[in-house]
Amino acid sequence: MEKPYLLHFATPGTRVSPFDVNMAYDAGWNAVIPYAEVGLADIAGFTQDAIFSRGPKGVKRTGIFIGGRDAILATDMLDAAHRAMVPPFEVSVFADPSGAYTTAAAMIAKVEQALAQVHGTTLDGRQVVVFGGTGPVGMTAAVLAAQAGARVTIPGHDGLARASEAVDLLNGRFGVDIQAADAGSDTAKHALLAQAEVVLATAKAGVQVLGAAHLGRATALLAAADINAVPPAGVEGIGVMDDAAPLPTAAGKAVGIGPLAIGNVKYKVQQGLLQKMLAAEKPLYLGFPECLDEARLHAA
C-alpha cells in the first residue's frame, strides 16, 4: 500500500492557520498535522523527527509547512530545517507566515505586469514606497522589490523609529539597501509621493494610508497596489477588482491594482507550490524568492 502524503505544519504561534490547512488539503495532501509553539530552536529536531521514520521512499510523501506571523523568523526556520536534513532523508519545506510570502510575491508580480504592459518598464531603478512596510507582507514586498532593482523606502506613520528598526533588520538579513522615512504628517507624505513611481499599500485592513489629496501630488506615480479588501481602501480610488485600471485619484497616468487581483494570484501561488511539493522528485525549499517565481508565472 502506498504511504499517504503527510504535511507537518509547524507554527511558532499558539495555533496554525485554518486557511493554510484548507489550502493544503485542497492541493492534494492526505493529512495536515498541526504543531503549535515550534520556534527556531525547535525546528531542527522537529525536522529530523519527520524525516527518519518513513524511509527514503516515504520522505518523498512527507513535507513541512512553516507558518507563524514573523517574516524574518520564518526564513530563519526554513534555513534551519534545510540544514537539518540528512540525505537521502530529506523532505520539501515551504514557509509562508500568515500568507505574507505568497501575498507579497503576488503583489510584486502584478506590479511588474502592470509596469510592463502599461508603461513599458520594469521595477529596476524605480522609486518604490511601501506603506505598512513594518508588517510581514510589507517587509517581504520591500525585499522583493529591492532585489528586483527598485529603490525602496519604508515610511513610518508614527515617525522614524519603527521604520528604521525594520529597515536595519531587512538590510542586515537580506543584503539589500532599503531606506526609512517619516510619514507621520501630510507634508511628509507629500514629499515622499513627489518622487514615488510605485506605491505598495500593505497596512492593516480598513486603514487608508493615502487619500485623493495625497495622490493628487503624486505626479511621477506609475502604479499603486493595495492588499486591503476591507473598506476604506488603503489607497483611495483603487477598486477591489482593479487590475491595472486607471487610478482617477492620482495625477498623471497611474494605474491601480486591487486586493482581489492580487489575491487571485496569491491563491494560485500557494496552491501551485503545495502541489509541486507533492510531485517533486527532489526536495524543494520554498521561501519568498520561489513564491515570486511562481507568482510571475500566474500573473503572466
C-alpha atoms as a PDB file:
ATOM      1  CA  MET A   1       0.000   0.000   0.000  1.00  0.00           C
ATOM      2  CA  GLU A   2       1.279   3.446  -0.911  1.00  0.00           C
ATOM      3  CA  LYS A   3       2.099   5.677   2.017  1.00  0.00           C
ATOM      4  CA  PRO A   4      -0.112   8.761   2.467  1.00  0.00           C
ATOM      5  CA  TYR A   5       1.095  12.292   1.751  1.00  0.00           C
ATOM      6  CA  LEU A   6       1.690  13.901   5.161  1.00  0.00           C
ATOM      7  CA  LEU A   7       2.268  17.625   5.650  1.00  0.00           C
ATOM      8  CA  HIS A   8       3.626  18.587   9.078  1.00  0.00           C
ATOM      9  CA  PHE A   9       2.504  22.156   9.793  1.00  0.00           C
ATOM     10  CA  ALA A  10       4.704  23.991  12.320  1.00  0.00           C
ATOM     11  CA  THR A  11       3.989  27.430  13.740  1.00  0.00           C
ATOM     12  CA  PRO A  12       5.776  29.445  16.434  1.00  0.00           C
ATOM     13  CA  GLY A  13       2.329  30.700  17.491  1.00  0.00           C
ATOM     14  CA  THR A  14      -0.435  29.091  19.507  1.00  0.00           C
ATOM     15  CA  ARG A  15      -2.398  27.747  16.529  1.00  0.00           C
ATOM     16  CA  VAL A  16      -1.959  27.074  12.842  1.00  0.00           C
ATOM     17  CA  SER A  17      -3.912  28.938  10.170  1.00  0.00           C
ATOM     18  CA  PRO A  18      -7.164  27.262   9.036  1.00  0.00           C
ATOM     19  CA  PHE A  19      -6.680  28.987   5.670  1.00  0.00           C
ATOM     20  CA  ASP A  20      -3.402  27.168   5.111  1.00  0.00           C
ATOM     21  CA  VAL A  21      -4.837  23.848   6.305  1.00  0.00           C
ATOM     22  CA  ASN A  22      -7.675  24.165   3.785  1.00  0.00           C
ATOM     23  CA  MET A  23      -5.228  25.059   1.026  1.00  0.00           C
ATOM     24  CA  ALA A  24      -3.047  22.036   1.742  1.00  0.00           C
ATOM     25  CA  TYR A  25      -5.940  19.564   1.696  1.00  0.00           C
ATOM     26  CA  ASP A  26      -7.309  21.127  -1.490  1.00  0.00           C
ATOM     27  CA  ALA A  27      -3.870  20.814  -3.082  1.00  0.00           C
ATOM     28  CA  GLY A  28      -3.993  17.054  -2.530  1.00  0.00           C
ATOM     29  CA  TRP A  29      -2.221  16.349   0.760  1.00  0.00           C
ATOM     30  CA  ASN A  30      -3.819  13.369   2.518  1.00  0.00           C
ATOM     31  CA  ALA A  31      -3.257  14.713   6.024  1.00  0.00           C
ATOM     32  CA  VAL A  32      -2.125  18.008   7.545  1.00  0.00           C
ATOM     33  CA  ILE A  33      -0.829  17.677  11.100  1.00  0.00           C
ATOM     34  CA  PRO A  34      -0.659  20.904  13.155  1.00  0.00           C
ATOM     35  CA  TYR A  35       2.052  21.715  15.718  1.00  0.00           C
ATOM     36  CA  ALA A  36       1.991  24.894  17.809  1.00  0.00           C
ATOM     37  CA  GLU A  37       4.829  26.754  19.543  1.00  0.00           C
ATOM     38  CA  VAL A  38       7.562  25.338  17.307  1.00  0.00           C
ATOM     39  CA  GLY A  39      10.254  28.024  17.197  1.00  0.00           C
ATOM     40  CA  LEU A  40      13.700  28.438  15.688  1.00  0.00           C
ATOM     41  CA  ALA A  41      15.329  26.422  18.465  1.00  0.00           C
ATOM     42  CA  ASP A  42      12.925  23.521  17.827  1.00  0.00           C
ATOM     43  CA  ILE A  43      12.758  23.264  14.055  1.00  0.00           C
ATOM     44  CA  ALA A  44      15.916  21.172  13.507  1.00  0.00           C
ATOM     45  CA  GLY A  45      14.757  18.478  15.903  1.00  0.00           C
ATOM     46  CA  PHE A  46      11.227  18.713  14.535  1.00  0.00           C
ATOM     47  CA  THR A  47      12.557  18.197  11.010  1.00  0.00           C
ATOM     48  CA  GLN A  48      14.620  15.172  11.926  1.00  0.00           C
ATOM     49  CA  ASP A  49      11.647  13.637  13.745  1.00  0.00           C
ATOM     50  CA  ALA A  50       9.730  13.957  10.473  1.00  0.00           C
ATOM     51  CA  ILE A  51      12.360  12.518   8.125  1.00  0.00           C
ATOM     52  CA  PHE A  52      13.700   9.405   9.835  1.00  0.00           C
ATOM     53  CA  SER A  53      10.505   7.401  10.386  1.00  0.00           C
ATOM     54  CA  ARG A  54       9.410   6.790   6.776  1.00  0.00           C
ATOM     55  CA  GLY A  55      12.492   5.653   4.849  1.00  0.00           C
ATOM     56  CA  PRO A  56      13.902   7.221   1.673  1.00  0.00           C
ATOM     57  CA  LYS A  57      10.709   6.450  -0.290  1.00  0.00           C
ATOM     58  CA  GLY A  58       8.413   7.694   2.446  1.00  0.00           C
ATOM     59  CA  VAL A  59      10.144  11.059   2.723  1.00  0.00           C
ATOM     60  CA  LYS A  60       9.027  11.834  -0.842  1.00  0.00           C
ATOM     61  CA  ARG A  61       5.489  11.752   0.548  1.00  0.00           C
ATOM     62  CA  THR A  62       6.336  13.961   3.510  1.00  0.00           C
ATOM     63  CA  GLY A  63       6.516  17.733   3.719  1.00  0.00           C
ATOM     64  CA  ILE A  64       6.908  20.549   6.243  1.00  0.00           C
ATOM     65  CA  PHE A  65       4.996  23.836   6.157  1.00  0.00           C
ATOM     66  CA  ILE A  66       6.192  26.755   8.316  1.00  0.00           C
ATOM     67  CA  GLY A  67       3.626  29.345   9.360  1.00  0.00           C
ATOM     68  CA  GLY A  68       3.505  31.982  12.080  1.00  0.00           C
ATOM     69  CA  ARG A  69       3.402  35.762  11.745  1.00  0.00           C
ATOM     70  CA  ASP A  70       7.074  36.753  11.607  1.00  0.00           C
ATOM     71  CA  ALA A  71       8.505  37.056   8.093  1.00  0.00           C
ATOM     72  CA  ILE A  72      12.153  37.012   9.229  1.00  0.00           C
ATOM     73  CA  LEU A  73      11.706  34.158  11.679  1.00  0.00           C
ATOM     74  CA  ALA A  74      10.023  32.006   9.021  1.00  0.00           C
ATOM     75  CA  THR A  75      13.017  32.443   6.685  1.00  0.00           C
ATOM     76  CA  ASP A  76      15.397  31.555   9.511  1.00  0.00           C
ATOM     77  CA  MET A  77      13.311  28.451  10.306  1.00  0.00           C
ATOM     78  CA  LEU A  78      13.281  27.433   6.640  1.00  0.00           C
ATOM     79  CA  ASP A  79      17.074  27.710   6.524  1.00  0.00           C
ATOM     80  CA  ALA A  80      17.434  25.761   9.786  1.00  0.00           C
ATOM     81  CA  ALA A  81      15.134  22.997   8.540  1.00  0.00           C
ATOM     82  CA  HIS A  82      17.181  22.742   5.349  1.00  0.00           C
ATOM     83  CA  ARG A  83      20.414  22.413   7.335  1.00  0.00           C
ATOM     84  CA  ALA A  84      18.857  19.680   9.495  1.00  0.00           C
ATOM     85  CA  MET A  85      18.305  17.307   6.568  1.00  0.00           C
ATOM     86  CA  VAL A  86      20.371  14.127   6.331  1.00  0.00           C
ATOM     87  CA  PRO A  87      20.250  12.934   2.690  1.00  0.00           C
ATOM     88  CA  PRO A  88      18.693  10.698   1.492  1.00  0.00           C
ATOM     89  CA  PHE A  89      16.339  11.524   4.374  1.00  0.00           C
ATOM     90  CA  GLU A  90      15.233  14.884   3.047  1.00  0.00           C
ATOM     91  CA  VAL A  91      11.772  16.433   2.611  1.00  0.00           C
ATOM     92  CA  SER A  92      10.366  19.546   0.960  1.00  0.00           C
ATOM     93  CA  VAL A  93       9.785  22.616   3.156  1.00  0.00           C
ATOM     94  CA  PHE A  94       7.519  25.597   2.391  1.00  0.00           C
ATOM     95  CA  ALA A  95       7.485  28.771   4.519  1.00  0.00           C
ATOM     96  CA  ASP A  96       4.593  31.236   4.215  1.00  0.00           C
ATOM     97  CA  PRO A  97       3.952  33.051   7.526  1.00  0.00           C
ATOM     98  CA  SER A  98       0.375  34.391   7.590  1.00  0.00           C
ATOM     99  CA  GLY A  99       0.408  34.181   3.802  1.00  0.00           C
ATOM    100  CA  ALA A 100       2.932  37.032   3.748  1.00  0.00           C
ATOM    101  CA  TYR A 101       5.307  35.458   1.237  1.00  0.00           C
ATOM    102  CA  THR A 102       2.643  34.433  -1.275  1.00  0.00           C
ATOM    103  CA  THR A 103       0.743  37.728  -0.901  1.00  0.00           C
ATOM    104  CA  ALA A 104       3.848  39.897  -1.287  1.00  0.00           C
ATOM    105  CA  ALA A 105       5.003  37.833  -4.258  1.00  0.00           C
ATOM    106  CA  ALA A 106       1.607  38.195  -5.935  1.00  0.00           C
ATOM    107  CA  MET A 107       1.658  41.950  -5.317  1.00  0.00           C
ATOM    108  CA  ILE A 108       5.115  42.389  -6.838  1.00  0.00           C
ATOM    109  CA  ALA A 109       4.285  40.163  -9.824  1.00  0.00           C
ATOM    110  CA  LYS A 110       1.115  42.159 -10.573  1.00  0.00           C
ATOM    111  CA  VAL A 111       3.019  45.445 -10.292  1.00  0.00           C
ATOM    112  CA  GLU A 112       5.694  44.120 -12.655  1.00  0.00           C
ATOM    113  CA  GLN A 113       2.987  43.074 -15.091  1.00  0.00           C
ATOM    114  CA  ALA A 114       1.292  46.496 -14.945  1.00  0.00           C
ATOM    115  CA  LEU A 115       4.550  48.374 -15.391  1.00  0.00           C
ATOM    116  CA  ALA A 116       5.452  46.271 -18.419  1.00  0.00           C
ATOM    117  CA  GLN A 117       2.062  46.330 -20.108  1.00  0.00           C
ATOM    118  CA  VAL A 118       1.017  49.918 -19.403  1.00  0.00           C
ATOM    119  CA  HIS A 119       4.301  51.800 -19.140  1.00  0.00           C
ATOM    120  CA  GLY A 120       6.824  49.586 -20.920  1.00  0.00           C
ATOM    121  CA  THR A 121       9.180  49.479 -17.947  1.00  0.00           C
ATOM    122  CA  THR A 122      10.274  47.315 -15.004  1.00  0.00           C
ATOM    123  CA  LEU A 123      10.901  47.731 -11.282  1.00  0.00           C
ATOM    124  CA  ASP A 124      14.614  48.160 -11.893  1.00  0.00           C
ATOM    125  CA  GLY A 125      15.571  51.679 -10.792  1.00  0.00           C
ATOM    126  CA  ARG A 126      12.012  52.675  -9.868  1.00  0.00           C
ATOM    127  CA  GLN A 127      11.281  54.631  -6.680  1.00  0.00           C
ATOM    128  CA  VAL A 128       9.043  52.355  -4.586  1.00  0.00           C
ATOM    129  CA  VAL A 129       7.335  53.391  -1.334  1.00  0.00           C
ATOM    130  CA  VAL A 130       5.912  50.612   0.855  1.00  0.00           C
ATOM    131  CA  PHE A 131       3.247  51.886   3.247  1.00  0.00           C
ATOM    132  CA  GLY A 132       2.686  49.416   6.087  1.00  0.00           C
ATOM    133  CA  GLY A 133       6.197  48.176   5.441  1.00  0.00           C
ATOM    134  CA  THR A 134       6.881  47.162   9.044  1.00  0.00           C
ATOM    135  CA  GLY A 135       4.352  44.303   8.813  1.00  0.00           C
ATOM    136  CA  PRO A 136       5.094  40.836   7.371  1.00  0.00           C
ATOM    137  CA  VAL A 137       3.634  41.455   3.890  1.00  0.00           C
ATOM    138  CA  GLY A 138       5.209  44.905   3.620  1.00  0.00           C
ATOM    139  CA  MET A 139       8.628  43.735   4.753  1.00  0.00           C
ATOM    140  CA  THR A 140       8.576  40.849   2.279  1.00  0.00           C
ATOM    141  CA  ALA A 141       7.362  43.058  -0.578  1.00  0.00           C
ATOM    142  CA  ALA A 142      10.053  45.621   0.208  1.00  0.00           C
ATOM    143  CA  VAL A 143      12.809  42.997  -0.005  1.00  0.00           C
ATOM    144  CA  LEU A 144      11.418  41.517  -3.226  1.00  0.00           C
ATOM    145  CA  ALA A 145      11.193  44.971  -4.830  1.00  0.00           C
ATOM    146  CA  ALA A 146      14.733  45.820  -3.723  1.00  0.00           C
ATOM    147  CA  GLN A 147      16.035  42.504  -5.078  1.00  0.00           C
ATOM    148  CA  ALA A 148      14.353  43.387  -8.397  1.00  0.00           C
ATOM    149  CA  GLY A 149      16.447  46.562  -8.538  1.00  0.00           C
ATOM    150  CA  ALA A 150      13.993  49.105  -7.138  1.00  0.00           C
ATOM    151  CA  ARG A 151      14.982  51.936  -4.796  1.00  0.00           C
ATOM    152  CA  VAL A 152      12.733  51.142  -1.855  1.00  0.00           C
ATOM    153  CA  THR A 153      11.569  53.282   1.053  1.00  0.00           C
ATOM    154  CA  ILE A 154       9.581  52.154   4.093  1.00  0.00           C
ATOM    155  CA  PRO A 155       7.869  55.139   5.714  1.00  0.00           C
ATOM    156  CA  GLY A 156       6.705  55.165   9.324  1.00  0.00           C
ATOM    157  CA  HIS A 157       3.255  56.602  10.031  1.00  0.00           C
ATOM    158  CA  ASP A 158       4.347  57.150  13.646  1.00  0.00           C
ATOM    159  CA  GLY A 159       7.808  58.557  12.961  1.00  0.00           C
ATOM    160  CA  LEU A 160      11.161  57.053  12.062  1.00  0.00           C
ATOM    161  CA  ALA A 161      11.809  54.637  14.919  1.00  0.00           C
ATOM    162  CA  ARG A 162       9.849  51.531  13.880  1.00  0.00           C
ATOM    163  CA  ALA A 163      10.565  52.043  10.181  1.00  0.00           C
ATOM    164  CA  SER A 164      14.294  52.363  10.869  1.00  0.00           C
ATOM    165  CA  GLU A 165      14.273  49.225  13.002  1.00  0.00           C
ATOM    166  CA  ALA A 166      12.555  47.254  10.222  1.00  0.00           C
ATOM    167  CA  VAL A 167      14.913  48.604   7.558  1.00  0.00           C
ATOM    168  CA  ASP A 168      18.022  47.778   9.598  1.00  0.00           C
ATOM    169  CA  LEU A 169      16.725  44.232  10.098  1.00  0.00           C
ATOM    170  CA  LEU A 170      15.953  43.702   6.409  1.00  0.00           C
ATOM    171  CA  ASN A 171      19.172  45.241   5.131  1.00  0.00           C
ATOM    172  CA  GLY A 172      21.260  43.168   7.513  1.00  0.00           C
ATOM    173  CA  ARG A 173      19.446  39.900   6.897  1.00  0.00           C
ATOM    174  CA  PHE A 174      18.997  40.073   3.114  1.00  0.00           C
ATOM    175  CA  GLY A 175      21.799  42.364   1.929  1.00  0.00           C
ATOM    176  CA  VAL A 176      19.504  44.975   0.401  1.00  0.00           C
ATOM    177  CA  ASP A 177      19.571  48.771   0.677  1.00  0.00           C
ATOM    178  CA  ILE A 178      16.104  49.888   1.791  1.00  0.00           C
ATOM    179  CA  GLN A 179      15.645  53.359   3.260  1.00  0.00           C
ATOM    180  CA  ALA A 180      13.421  54.529   6.139  1.00  0.00           C
ATOM    181  CA  ALA A 181      11.407  57.748   6.086  1.00  0.00           C
ATOM    182  CA  ASP A 182       8.985  59.670   8.264  1.00  0.00           C
ATOM    183  CA  ALA A 183       5.375  59.721   7.013  1.00  0.00           C
ATOM    184  CA  GLY A 184       3.777  60.995  10.200  1.00  0.00           C
ATOM    185  CA  SER A 185       2.248  64.066   8.566  1.00  0.00           C
ATOM    186  CA  ASP A 186       0.606  65.019   5.290  1.00  0.00           C
ATOM    187  CA  THR A 187       3.596  67.203   4.494  1.00  0.00           C
ATOM    188  CA  ALA A 188       5.937  64.247   4.893  1.00  0.00           C
ATOM    189  CA  LYS A 189       3.697  62.037   2.733  1.00  0.00           C
ATOM    190  CA  HIS A 190       3.558  64.695   0.041  1.00  0.00           C
ATOM    191  CA  ALA A 191       7.348  64.846  -0.045  1.00  0.00           C
ATOM    192  CA  LEU A 192       7.575  61.058  -0.446  1.00  0.00           C
ATOM    193  CA  LEU A 193       4.920  60.956  -3.137  1.00  0.00           C
ATOM    194  CA  ALA A 194       6.560  63.695  -5.171  1.00  0.00           C
ATOM    195  CA  GLN A 195       9.221  61.141  -6.173  1.00  0.00           C
ATOM    196  CA  ALA A 196       7.305  57.859  -5.859  1.00  0.00           C
ATOM    197  CA  GLU A 197       6.825  55.835  -9.036  1.00  0.00           C
ATOM    198  CA  VAL A 198       5.291  52.797  -7.346  1.00  0.00           C
ATOM    199  CA  VAL A 199       3.239  52.679  -4.149  1.00  0.00           C
ATOM    200  CA  LEU A 200       2.586  49.432  -2.282  1.00  0.00           C
ATOM    201  CA  ALA A 201      -0.114  49.648   0.394  1.00  0.00           C
ATOM    202  CA  THR A 202       0.258  46.801   2.896  1.00  0.00           C
ATOM    203  CA  ALA A 203      -1.199  48.382   6.033  1.00  0.00           C
ATOM    204  CA  LYS A 204      -3.820  46.768   8.271  1.00  0.00           C
ATOM    205  CA  ALA A 205      -7.293  46.067   6.893  1.00  0.00           C
ATOM    206  CA  GLY A 206      -9.566  49.089   6.975  1.00  0.00           C
ATOM    207  CA  VAL A 207      -6.725  51.613   7.217  1.00  0.00           C
ATOM    208  CA  GLN A 208      -6.461  54.167   4.414  1.00  0.00           C
ATOM    209  CA  VAL A 209      -2.853  55.265   4.035  1.00  0.00           C
ATOM    210  CA  LEU A 210      -3.329  57.518   1.009  1.00  0.00           C
ATOM    211  CA  GLY A 211      -6.306  59.692   0.097  1.00  0.00           C
ATOM    212  CA  ALA A 212      -7.089  61.688  -3.012  1.00  0.00           C
ATOM    213  CA  ALA A 213      -5.355  64.769  -1.598  1.00  0.00           C
ATOM    214  CA  HIS A 214      -2.114  62.793  -1.285  1.00  0.00           C
ATOM    215  CA  LEU A 215      -2.396  61.125  -4.668  1.00  0.00           C
ATOM    216  CA  GLY A 216      -3.020  64.425  -6.411  1.00  0.00           C
ATOM    217  CA  ARG A 217       0.598  65.315  -5.582  1.00  0.00           C
ATOM    218  CA  ALA A 218       1.970  62.031  -6.961  1.00  0.00           C
ATOM    219  CA  THR A 219       2.881  63.309 -10.411  1.00  0.00           C
ATOM    220  CA  ALA A 220       5.542  60.624 -11.017  1.00  0.00           C
ATOM    221  CA  LEU A 221       3.317  57.719  -9.941  1.00  0.00           C
ATOM    222  CA  LEU A 222       3.055  54.837 -12.426  1.00  0.00           C
ATOM    223  CA  ALA A 223       1.326  52.145 -10.362  1.00  0.00           C
ATOM    224  CA  ALA A 224      -0.220  51.635  -6.930  1.00  0.00           C
ATOM    225  CA  ALA A 225      -1.169  48.270  -5.423  1.00  0.00           C
ATOM    226  CA  ASP A 226      -3.351  47.688  -2.365  1.00  0.00           C
ATOM    227  CA  ILE A 227      -3.933  44.443  -0.431  1.00  0.00           C
ATOM    228  CA  ASN A 228      -6.710  45.899   1.747  1.00  0.00           C
ATOM    229  CA  ALA A 229     -10.141  44.456   0.859  1.00  0.00           C
ATOM    230  CA  VAL A 230     -11.881  45.986   3.895  1.00  0.00           C
ATOM    231  CA  PRO A 231     -13.360  49.483   3.366  1.00  0.00           C
ATOM    232  CA  PRO A 232     -11.997  52.053   3.175  1.00  0.00           C
ATOM    233  CA  ALA A 233      -9.424  51.131   0.548  1.00  0.00           C
ATOM    234  CA  GLY A 234      -5.814  51.524   1.590  1.00  0.00           C
ATOM    235  CA  VAL A 235      -5.341  53.752  -1.458  1.00  0.00           C
ATOM    236  CA  GLU A 236      -8.365  55.861  -2.283  1.00  0.00           C
ATOM    237  CA  GLY A 237      -9.669  55.190  -5.774  1.00  0.00           C
ATOM    238  CA  ILE A 238      -8.439  51.599  -6.130  1.00  0.00           C
ATOM    239  CA  GLY A 239     -11.320  49.163  -6.543  1.00  0.00           C
ATOM    240  CA  VAL A 240     -11.071  45.689  -5.061  1.00  0.00           C
ATOM    241  CA  MET A 241     -11.090  44.086  -8.517  1.00  0.00           C
ATOM    242  CA  ASP A 242      -8.932  46.645 -10.324  1.00  0.00           C
ATOM    243  CA  ASP A 243      -6.217  45.073 -12.447  1.00  0.00           C
ATOM    244  CA  ALA A 244      -4.032  47.857 -13.859  1.00  0.00           C
ATOM    245  CA  ALA A 245      -7.109  50.098 -14.099  1.00  0.00           C
ATOM    246  CA  PRO A 246      -6.605  53.877 -14.407  1.00  0.00           C
ATOM    247  CA  LEU A 247      -6.361  55.442 -10.941  1.00  0.00           C
ATOM    248  CA  PRO A 248      -8.620  58.513 -11.081  1.00  0.00           C
ATOM    249  CA  THR A 249      -7.450  59.974  -7.778  1.00  0.00           C
ATOM    250  CA  ALA A 250      -3.829  60.195  -8.923  1.00  0.00           C
ATOM    251  CA  ALA A 251      -2.123  62.780 -11.060  1.00  0.00           C
ATOM    252  CA  GLY A 252      -0.713  61.607 -14.367  1.00  0.00           C
ATOM    253  CA  LYS A 253      -1.013  58.102 -15.806  1.00  0.00           C
ATOM    254  CA  ALA A 254      -1.012  55.894 -12.721  1.00  0.00           C
ATOM    255  CA  VAL A 255      -2.861  52.579 -12.662  1.00  0.00           C
ATOM    256  CA  GLY A 256      -4.229  50.721  -9.657  1.00  0.00           C
ATOM    257  CA  ILE A 257      -4.116  47.062  -8.667  1.00  0.00           C
ATOM    258  CA  GLY A 258      -6.740  45.945  -6.159  1.00  0.00           C
ATOM    259  CA  PRO A 259      -6.740  43.262  -3.463  1.00  0.00           C
ATOM    260  CA  LEU A 260      -8.764  40.689  -5.387  1.00  0.00           C
ATOM    261  CA  ALA A 261      -6.448  40.874  -8.409  1.00  0.00           C
ATOM    262  CA  ILE A 262      -3.541  40.288  -6.023  1.00  0.00           C
ATOM    263  CA  GLY A 263      -5.438  37.662  -4.020  1.00  0.00           C
ATOM    264  CA  ASN A 264      -6.263  35.628  -7.099  1.00  0.00           C
ATOM    265  CA  VAL A 265      -2.560  35.276  -7.886  1.00  0.00           C
ATOM    266  CA  LYS A 266      -1.699  34.659  -4.216  1.00  0.00           C
ATOM    267  CA  TYR A 267      -4.143  31.737  -4.124  1.00  0.00           C
ATOM    268  CA  LYS A 268      -2.659  30.220  -7.283  1.00  0.00           C
ATOM    269  CA  VAL A 269       0.888  30.624  -5.950  1.00  0.00           C
ATOM    270  CA  GLN A 270       0.188  28.816  -2.699  1.00  0.00           C
ATOM    271  CA  GLN A 271      -1.837  26.081  -4.411  1.00  0.00           C
ATOM    272  CA  GLY A 272       0.803  25.659  -7.099  1.00  0.00           C
ATOM    273  CA  LEU A 273       3.709  25.342  -4.668  1.00  0.00           C
ATOM    274  CA  LEU A 274       1.851  22.913  -2.410  1.00  0.00           C
ATOM    275  CA  GLN A 275       1.173  20.765  -5.471  1.00  0.00           C
ATOM    276  CA  LYS A 276       4.785  20.998  -6.622  1.00  0.00           C
ATOM    277  CA  MET A 277       5.851  19.647  -3.235  1.00  0.00           C
ATOM    278  CA  LEU A 278       3.652  16.613  -3.858  1.00  0.00           C
ATOM    279  CA  ALA A 279       5.100  15.973  -7.304  1.00  0.00           C
ATOM    280  CA  ALA A 280       8.743  16.756  -6.609  1.00  0.00           C
ATOM    281  CA  GLU A 281      11.311  14.012  -7.128  1.00  0.00           C
ATOM    282  CA  LYS A 282      13.889  16.089  -5.267  1.00  0.00           C
ATOM    283  CA  PRO A 283      13.194  18.163  -2.141  1.00  0.00           C
ATOM    284  CA  LEU A 284      12.080  21.756  -2.623  1.00  0.00           C
ATOM    285  CA  TYR A 285      12.873  24.630  -0.260  1.00  0.00           C
ATOM    286  CA  LEU A 286      10.263  27.305  -0.837  1.00  0.00           C
ATOM    287  CA  GLY A 287      10.624  30.803   0.566  1.00  0.00           C
ATOM    288  CA  PHE A 288       9.633  34.192  -0.792  1.00  0.00           C
ATOM    289  CA  PRO A 289      12.008  34.163  -3.824  1.00  0.00           C
ATOM    290  CA  GLU A 290      10.400  30.921  -5.014  1.00  0.00           C
ATOM    291  CA  CYS A 291       6.971  32.412  -4.334  1.00  0.00           C
ATOM    292  CA  LEU A 292       7.830  35.308  -6.664  1.00  0.00           C
ATOM    293  CA  ASP A 293       8.979  32.905  -9.384  1.00  0.00           C
ATOM    294  CA  GLU A 294       5.626  31.125  -9.132  1.00  0.00           C
ATOM    295  CA  ALA A 295       3.675  34.398  -8.989  1.00  0.00           C
ATOM    296  CA  ARG A 296       5.276  35.637 -12.185  1.00  0.00           C
ATOM    297  CA  LEU A 297       4.033  32.512 -13.954  1.00  0.00           C
ATOM    298  CA  HIS A 298       0.443  33.059 -12.800  1.00  0.00           C
ATOM    299  CA  ALA A 299       0.446  36.838 -13.322  1.00  0.00           C
ATOM    300  CA  ALA A 300       1.501  36.283 -16.916  1.00  0.00           C
END
